[in-house]
C-alpha atoms as a PDB file:
ATOM      1  CA  MET A   1     -22.301  15.182  34.857  1.00  0.00           C
ATOM      2  CA  ILE A   2     -19.905  12.445  33.191  1.00  0.00           C
ATOM      3  CA  ALA A   3     -15.854  12.542  35.108  1.00  0.00           C
ATOM      4  CA  ARG A   4     -12.720  10.948  33.183  1.00  0.00           C
ATOM      5  CA  MET A   5     -10.124   9.553  35.170  1.00  0.00           C
ATOM      6  CA  TRP A   6      -6.862  10.252  32.996  1.00  0.00           C
ATOM      7  CA  GLU A   7      -3.464   8.199  34.929  1.00  0.00           C
ATOM      8  CA  ALA A   8      -0.317   7.371  33.545  1.00  0.00           C
ATOM      9  CA  ARG A   9       2.895   6.795  34.362  1.00  0.00           C
ATOM     10  CA  ILE A  10       5.585   9.197  32.654  1.00  0.00           C
ATOM     11  CA  HIS A  11       8.438   9.361  31.612  1.00  0.00           C
ATOM     12  CA  ARG A  12      10.955   9.552  34.751  1.00  0.00           C
ATOM     13  CA  GLY A  13      12.289  12.929  34.754  1.00  0.00           C
ATOM     14  CA  GLN A  14       9.676  14.491  32.332  1.00  0.00           C
ATOM     15  CA  LEU A  15       7.324  14.891  35.077  1.00  0.00           C
ATOM     16  CA  ASP A  16       7.695  18.471  35.376  1.00  0.00           C
ATOM     17  CA  GLU A  17       7.390  18.722  31.707  1.00  0.00           C
ATOM     18  CA  PHE A  18       4.033  17.034  31.676  1.00  0.00           C
ATOM     19  CA  CYS A  19       3.219  18.997  34.155  1.00  0.00           C
ATOM     20  CA  VAL A  20       3.892  22.571  32.343  1.00  0.00           C
ATOM     21  CA  TRP A  21       2.714  20.844  28.847  1.00  0.00           C
ATOM     22  CA  VAL A  22      -0.928  20.038  30.653  1.00  0.00           C
ATOM     23  CA  ARG A  23      -1.575  23.517  31.834  1.00  0.00           C
ATOM     24  CA  ASP A  24       0.439  25.883  28.985  1.00  0.00           C
ATOM     25  CA  ALA A  25      -1.265  23.206  26.057  1.00  0.00           C
ATOM     26  CA  ALA A  26      -3.629  20.720  26.927  1.00  0.00           C
ATOM     27  CA  TRP A  27      -5.456  22.607  29.305  1.00  0.00           C
ATOM     28  CA  PRO A  28      -6.653  25.607  27.234  1.00  0.00           C
ATOM     29  CA  GLN A  29      -8.904  22.969  24.519  1.00  0.00           C
ATOM     30  CA  TYR A  30     -10.247  21.069  27.534  1.00  0.00           C
ATOM     31  CA  ARG A  31     -12.036  24.458  28.330  1.00  0.00           C
ATOM     32  CA  ALA A  32     -12.565  25.681  25.037  1.00  0.00           C
ATOM     33  CA  ALA A  33     -14.573  22.315  24.358  1.00  0.00           C
ATOM     34  CA  PRO A  34     -18.191  22.570  24.730  1.00  0.00           C
ATOM     35  CA  GLY A  35     -19.491  20.510  27.514  1.00  0.00           C
ATOM     36  CA  PHE A  36     -15.988  20.899  29.922  1.00  0.00           C
ATOM     37  CA  CYS A  37     -17.059  21.786  33.182  1.00  0.00           C
ATOM     38  CA  GLY A  38     -13.631  21.834  34.852  1.00  0.00           C
ATOM     39  CA  GLY A  39     -10.904  19.468  36.462  1.00  0.00           C
ATOM     40  CA  GLU A  40      -7.376  19.000  37.778  1.00  0.00           C
ATOM     41  CA  LEU A  41      -4.264  17.279  37.088  1.00  0.00           C
ATOM     42  CA  TYR A  42      -2.545  15.464  40.053  1.00  0.00           C
ATOM     43  CA  ARG A  43       0.733  14.156  40.469  1.00  0.00           C
ATOM     44  CA  SER A  44       2.979  11.530  42.353  1.00  0.00           C
ATOM     45  CA  ASP A  45       6.278  12.001  42.264  1.00  0.00           C
ATOM     46  CA  GLU A  46       7.464   9.340  44.287  1.00  0.00           C
ATOM     47  CA  GLN A  47       5.788   7.011  41.130  1.00  0.00           C
ATOM     48  CA  SER A  48       6.080   9.110  38.518  1.00  0.00           C
ATOM     49  CA  ARG A  49       2.579   9.010  38.168  1.00  0.00           C
ATOM     50  CA  ALA A  50      -0.296  12.128  36.629  1.00  0.00           C
ATOM     51  CA  VAL A  51      -3.874  11.923  36.775  1.00  0.00           C
ATOM     52  CA  VAL A  52      -5.848  14.046  35.553  1.00  0.00           C
ATOM     53  CA  VAL A  53      -9.389  14.438  35.699  1.00  0.00           C
ATOM     54  CA  SER A  54     -11.452  16.177  33.541  1.00  0.00           C
ATOM     55  CA  ARG A  55     -15.630  16.626  34.403  1.00  0.00           C
ATOM     56  CA  TRP A  56     -17.868  16.890  31.268  1.00  0.00           C
ATOM     57  CA  THR A  57     -21.746  17.922  31.175  1.00  0.00           C
ATOM     58  CA  ASP A  58     -23.017  14.743  29.631  1.00  0.00           C
ATOM     59  CA  ALA A  59     -21.565  11.382  27.802  1.00  0.00           C
ATOM     60  CA  ASP A  60     -21.967  13.337  24.256  1.00  0.00           C
ATOM     61  CA  ALA A  61     -19.909  16.112  25.307  1.00  0.00           C
ATOM     62  CA  LEU A  62     -16.754  13.803  26.646  1.00  0.00           C
ATOM     63  CA  ALA A  63     -17.278  12.184  23.758  1.00  0.00           C
ATOM     64  CA  ASP A  64     -16.900  15.330  21.019  1.00  0.00           C
ATOM     65  CA  GLY A  65     -14.085  16.564  23.343  1.00  0.00           C
ATOM     66  CA  ASN A  66     -12.343  13.575  22.851  1.00  0.00           C
ATOM     67  CA  ASN A  67     -12.478  13.956  18.762  1.00  0.00           C
ATOM     68  CA  TRP A  68     -12.283  17.265  19.031  1.00  0.00           C
ATOM     69  CA  PHE A  69      -8.632  17.724  20.198  1.00  0.00           C
ATOM     70  CA  ASP A  70      -5.531  15.710  20.076  1.00  0.00           C
ATOM     71  CA  LEU A  71      -3.421  16.196  23.232  1.00  0.00           C
ATOM     72  CA  GLY A  72      -0.528  14.256  22.352  1.00  0.00           C
ATOM     73  CA  ALA A  73       0.220  13.273  26.208  1.00  0.00           C
ATOM     74  CA  GLU A  74       1.297   9.666  24.230  1.00  0.00           C
ATOM     75  CA  ARG A  75       5.151  11.101  24.120  1.00  0.00           C
ATOM     76  CA  PHE A  76       5.727  11.517  28.049  1.00  0.00           C
ATOM     77  CA  CYS A  77       3.769   7.819  28.681  1.00  0.00           C
ATOM     78  CA  ALA A  78       6.142   5.035  29.729  1.00  0.00           C
ATOM     79  CA  GLY A  79       3.353   2.329  28.792  1.00  0.00           C
ATOM     80  CA  ASP A  80      -0.236   2.066  28.360  1.00  0.00           C
ATOM     81  CA  ALA A  81      -2.443   5.735  29.728  1.00  0.00           C
ATOM     82  CA  LYS A  82      -5.198   4.617  31.262  1.00  0.00           C
ATOM     83  CA  ALA A  83      -8.882   6.278  31.265  1.00  0.00           C
ATOM     84  CA  TRP A  84     -11.912   5.338  33.294  1.00  0.00           C
ATOM     85  CA  GLU A  85     -15.494   7.512  33.116  1.00  0.00           C
ATOM     86  CA  PHE A  86     -17.293   7.854  36.463  1.00  0.00           C
ATOM     87  CA  THR A  87     -20.680   9.451  36.753  1.00  0.00           C
ATOM     88  CA  VAL A  88     -21.223  11.973  40.354  1.00  0.00           C
ATOM     89  CA  VAL A  89     -22.825   9.970  42.934  1.00  0.00           C
ATOM     90  CA  PRO A  90     -24.486  12.564  45.075  1.00  0.00           C
ATOM     91  CA  VAL A  91     -23.369  12.209  49.055  1.00  0.00           C
ATOM     92  CA  GLU A  92     -25.060  15.499  50.530  1.00  0.00           C
END
């Protein structure tokens, strides 16, 4: 499994709108993408930041998912968004 963490500072006053957009527009596209295994959306009101964590079956599914749809999150971003990929490390 591959986890992708996407993080961005969101324009002041748009954090609520961004979260609604993720829930109503972006997340359904994720769910429909082959190999998508779930994820979470986190927000920091104090810093006007959002983090989207998505989990994928493997690197190919993540790559296909990234090419499969155009999320359009850039319109909410105050600066460049950052993304990192992680592999799961079992702790139990």
